[in-house]
Each structure stands twice: as C-alpha cells, then as structure tokens.
Amino acid sequence: MFRRTFWFTAGAAAGVWATTKVNRKLRQLTPESLAAQAANKAIDAGHKLKDFALDVRAGMVQREAELGERLGLEAPVDPELPAQRRFAAIDRPEHTYNKHTYNSYNRNEDH
C-alpha cells in the first residue's frame, strides 16, 4: 500500500513539474516575450558598443598625449617664437554650372 502511494505521489509531482516547465517554455516563446528578449539583447549590445567606443576614445587621448610628449608638441611656447598658425581651408567658389548660366547654343537651331 505504501509503495503504491509513494509512486502515485512521485508521478503526480513529476507531472506537475513537467507541466510547469512546459508552460514556462511556452511563455518564453510567445511573440511578445521574444520581442522583449530581442530588445534587451539590443540594449545590452548598445551598452557594450558604447563602452567600447569610450575605451577607444580614452586610448586615443592617452596615445595622443604620449606622442605629443615625445614629439615635443606639448612643450611650453617660447615667447620669442611666433604662435603656431593653423591654415583655414581655401574657399573655392561653388560650381555654378546649370542649364541657365552657360551658353545654350544649339547647332540645330541655325538650320
């Protein structure tokens, strides 16, 4: 008698456990749940990408400082020398070509 009760209880517990597990899995596979999981993964990827970009930027600043130090670009300015000048880009006139400004000679008009 105890043997049957034990196996009946074990079977019922296994059935409840399996049903719970299957229902959980089915809820994970609904479109809303899949969309939420994808959004969470995209947000995590965005955070990782931002962290990577910040690390790259910090490395760039550090390397530029090292190079400036080695090349003497960060050295104090000598008062006898003129200040370093930066050249502005040469302004080129915009291309004024359009059909209204050029000579619209049509050789077929003369004939």
C-alpha atoms as a PDB file:
ATOM      1  CA  MET A   1       0.000   0.000   0.000  1.00  0.00           C
ATOM      2  CA  PHE A   2       2.773   2.454   0.883  1.00  0.00           C
ATOM      3  CA  ARG A   3       4.570   1.535  -2.277  1.00  0.00           C
ATOM      4  CA  ARG A   4       1.589   2.496  -4.434  1.00  0.00           C
ATOM      5  CA  THR A   5       1.099   5.758  -2.538  1.00  0.00           C
ATOM      6  CA  PHE A   6       4.779   6.633  -2.978  1.00  0.00           C
ATOM      7  CA  TRP A   7       4.740   6.017  -6.742  1.00  0.00           C
ATOM      8  CA  PHE A   8       1.415   7.823  -7.154  1.00  0.00           C
ATOM      9  CA  THR A   9       2.821  10.870  -5.329  1.00  0.00           C
ATOM     10  CA  ALA A  10       6.092  10.715  -7.282  1.00  0.00           C
ATOM     11  CA  GLY A  11       4.175  10.521 -10.577  1.00  0.00           C
ATOM     12  CA  ALA A  12       1.913  13.423  -9.636  1.00  0.00           C
ATOM     13  CA  ALA A  13       4.912  15.531  -8.601  1.00  0.00           C
ATOM     14  CA  ALA A  14       6.715  14.696 -11.851  1.00  0.00           C
ATOM     15  CA  GLY A  15       3.580  15.632 -13.819  1.00  0.00           C
ATOM     16  CA  VAL A  16       3.250  18.970 -12.027  1.00  0.00           C
ATOM     17  CA  TRP A  17       6.959  19.674 -12.527  1.00  0.00           C
ATOM     18  CA  ALA A  18       6.815  18.809 -16.254  1.00  0.00           C
ATOM     19  CA  THR A  19       3.638  20.844 -16.793  1.00  0.00           C
ATOM     20  CA  THR A  20       5.178  23.854 -15.074  1.00  0.00           C
ATOM     21  CA  LYS A  21       8.358  23.549 -17.118  1.00  0.00           C
ATOM     22  CA  VAL A  22       6.446  23.261 -20.422  1.00  0.00           C
ATOM     23  CA  ASN A  23       4.212  26.230 -19.591  1.00  0.00           C
ATOM     24  CA  ARG A  24       7.242  28.363 -18.740  1.00  0.00           C
ATOM     25  CA  LYS A  25       8.889  27.454 -22.032  1.00  0.00           C
ATOM     26  CA  LEU A  26       5.708  28.222 -23.967  1.00  0.00           C
ATOM     27  CA  ARG A  27       5.502  31.668 -22.326  1.00  0.00           C
ATOM     28  CA  GLN A  28       9.109  32.326 -23.364  1.00  0.00           C
ATOM     29  CA  LEU A  29       8.278  31.544 -26.973  1.00  0.00           C
ATOM     30  CA  THR A  30       5.354  33.959 -27.354  1.00  0.00           C
ATOM     31  CA  PRO A  31       5.936  36.827 -29.822  1.00  0.00           C
ATOM     32  CA  GLU A  32       5.779  39.433 -27.039  1.00  0.00           C
ATOM     33  CA  SER A  33       8.361  37.586 -24.978  1.00  0.00           C
ATOM     34  CA  LEU A  34      10.649  37.084 -27.972  1.00  0.00           C
ATOM     35  CA  ALA A  35      10.377  40.792 -28.838  1.00  0.00           C
ATOM     36  CA  ALA A  36      11.241  41.748 -25.255  1.00  0.00           C
ATOM     37  CA  GLN A  37      14.232  39.396 -25.264  1.00  0.00           C
ATOM     38  CA  ALA A  38      15.454  40.855 -28.565  1.00  0.00           C
ATOM     39  CA  ALA A  39      15.053  44.400 -27.228  1.00  0.00           C
ATOM     40  CA  ASN A  40      17.002  43.528 -24.091  1.00  0.00           C
ATOM     41  CA  LYS A  41      19.801  41.982 -26.126  1.00  0.00           C
ATOM     42  CA  ALA A  42      19.900  45.045 -28.404  1.00  0.00           C
ATOM     43  CA  ILE A  43      20.133  47.343 -25.388  1.00  0.00           C
ATOM     44  CA  ASP A  44      22.936  45.225 -23.933  1.00  0.00           C
ATOM     45  CA  ALA A  45      24.771  45.297 -27.264  1.00  0.00           C
ATOM     46  CA  GLY A  46      24.359  49.084 -27.381  1.00  0.00           C
ATOM     47  CA  HIS A  47      25.828  49.435 -23.910  1.00  0.00           C
ATOM     48  CA  LYS A  48      28.760  47.211 -24.841  1.00  0.00           C
ATOM     49  CA  LEU A  49      29.335  49.216 -28.033  1.00  0.00           C
ATOM     50  CA  LYS A  50      29.223  52.489 -26.092  1.00  0.00           C
ATOM     51  CA  ASP A  51      31.706  51.133 -23.545  1.00  0.00           C
ATOM     52  CA  PHE A  52      33.981  50.026 -26.385  1.00  0.00           C
ATOM     53  CA  ALA A  53      33.793  53.471 -28.014  1.00  0.00           C
ATOM     54  CA  LEU A  54      34.614  55.160 -24.706  1.00  0.00           C
ATOM     55  CA  ASP A  55      37.578  52.823 -24.217  1.00  0.00           C
ATOM     56  CA  VAL A  56      38.825  53.584 -27.734  1.00  0.00           C
ATOM     57  CA  ARG A  57      38.436  57.329 -27.159  1.00  0.00           C
ATOM     58  CA  ALA A  58      40.312  57.139 -23.847  1.00  0.00           C
ATOM     59  CA  GLY A  59      43.073  55.149 -25.538  1.00  0.00           C
ATOM     60  CA  MET A  60      43.265  57.705 -28.334  1.00  0.00           C
ATOM     61  CA  VAL A  61      43.602  60.580 -25.892  1.00  0.00           C
ATOM     62  CA  GLN A  62      46.271  58.732 -23.953  1.00  0.00           C
ATOM     63  CA  ARG A  63      48.221  57.838 -27.102  1.00  0.00           C
ATOM     64  CA  GLU A  64      47.975  61.382 -28.472  1.00  0.00           C
ATOM     65  CA  ALA A  65      49.320  62.694 -25.174  1.00  0.00           C
ATOM     66  CA  GLU A  66      52.218  60.223 -25.330  1.00  0.00           C
ATOM     67  CA  LEU A  67      53.021  61.161 -28.917  1.00  0.00           C
ATOM     68  CA  GLY A  68      52.729  64.873 -28.185  1.00  0.00           C
ATOM     69  CA  GLU A  69      55.064  64.453 -25.246  1.00  0.00           C
ATOM     70  CA  ARG A  70      57.632  62.512 -27.280  1.00  0.00           C
ATOM     71  CA  LEU A  71      57.465  64.870 -30.250  1.00  0.00           C
ATOM     72  CA  GLY A  72      57.594  67.990 -28.116  1.00  0.00           C
ATOM     73  CA  LEU A  73      54.220  69.241 -29.250  1.00  0.00           C
ATOM     74  CA  GLU A  74      53.094  69.785 -25.684  1.00  0.00           C
ATOM     75  CA  ALA A  75      56.219  71.809 -24.844  1.00  0.00           C
ATOM     76  CA  PRO A  76      55.731  75.333 -23.430  1.00  0.00           C
ATOM     77  CA  VAL A  77      55.654  78.055 -26.073  1.00  0.00           C
ATOM     78  CA  ASP A  78      58.860  80.099 -26.379  1.00  0.00           C
ATOM     79  CA  PRO A  79      57.927  83.809 -26.145  1.00  0.00           C
ATOM     80  CA  GLU A  80      60.444  84.706 -28.890  1.00  0.00           C
ATOM     81  CA  LEU A  81      58.771  82.439 -31.443  1.00  0.00           C
ATOM     82  CA  PRO A  82      55.536  83.390 -33.165  1.00  0.00           C
ATOM     83  CA  ALA A  83      52.449  81.434 -32.223  1.00  0.00           C
ATOM     84  CA  GLN A  84      51.609  78.405 -34.309  1.00  0.00           C
ATOM     85  CA  ARG A  85      49.120  79.238 -37.037  1.00  0.00           C
ATOM     86  CA  ARG A  86      46.511  76.987 -38.471  1.00  0.00           C
ATOM     87  CA  PHE A  87      45.603  77.452 -42.085  1.00  0.00           C
ATOM     88  CA  ALA A  88      41.948  77.622 -42.974  1.00  0.00           C
ATOM     89  CA  ALA A  89      40.741  75.616 -45.912  1.00  0.00           C
ATOM     90  CA  ILE A  90      40.782  77.543 -49.138  1.00  0.00           C
ATOM     91  CA  ASP A  91      37.287  78.620 -50.016  1.00  0.00           C
ATOM     92  CA  ARG A  92      36.540  77.540 -53.523  1.00  0.00           C
ATOM     93  CA  PRO A  93      33.664  79.121 -55.355  1.00  0.00           C
ATOM     94  CA  GLU A  94      30.776  76.774 -55.766  1.00  0.00           C
ATOM     95  CA  HIS A  95      30.327  75.225 -59.151  1.00  0.00           C
ATOM     96  CA  THR A  96      27.898  77.497 -60.954  1.00  0.00           C
ATOM     97  CA  TYR A  97      27.131  75.106 -63.760  1.00  0.00           C
ATOM     98  CA  ASN A  98      23.496  74.741 -64.508  1.00  0.00           C
ATOM     99  CA  LYS A  99      21.470  74.848 -67.657  1.00  0.00           C
ATOM    100  CA  HIS A 100      20.565  78.525 -67.276  1.00  0.00           C
ATOM    101  CA  THR A 101      24.031  80.051 -66.931  1.00  0.00           C
ATOM    102  CA  TYR A 102      26.031  78.523 -69.746  1.00  0.00           C
ATOM    103  CA  ASN A 103      25.748  79.386 -73.427  1.00  0.00           C
ATOM    104  CA  SER A 104      22.871  77.290 -74.640  1.00  0.00           C
ATOM    105  CA  TYR A 105      23.960  77.174 -78.250  1.00  0.00           C
ATOM    106  CA  ASN A 106      22.130  74.519 -80.186  1.00  0.00           C
ATOM    107  CA  ARG A 107      23.700  73.917 -83.585  1.00  0.00           C
ATOM    108  CA  ASN A 108      20.442  72.555 -84.907  1.00  0.00           C
ATOM    109  CA  GLU A 109      18.698  75.910 -84.462  1.00  0.00           C
ATOM    110  CA  ASP A 110      20.643  77.520 -87.321  1.00  0.00           C
ATOM    111  CA  HIS A 111      19.426  75.103 -89.956  1.00  0.00           C
END
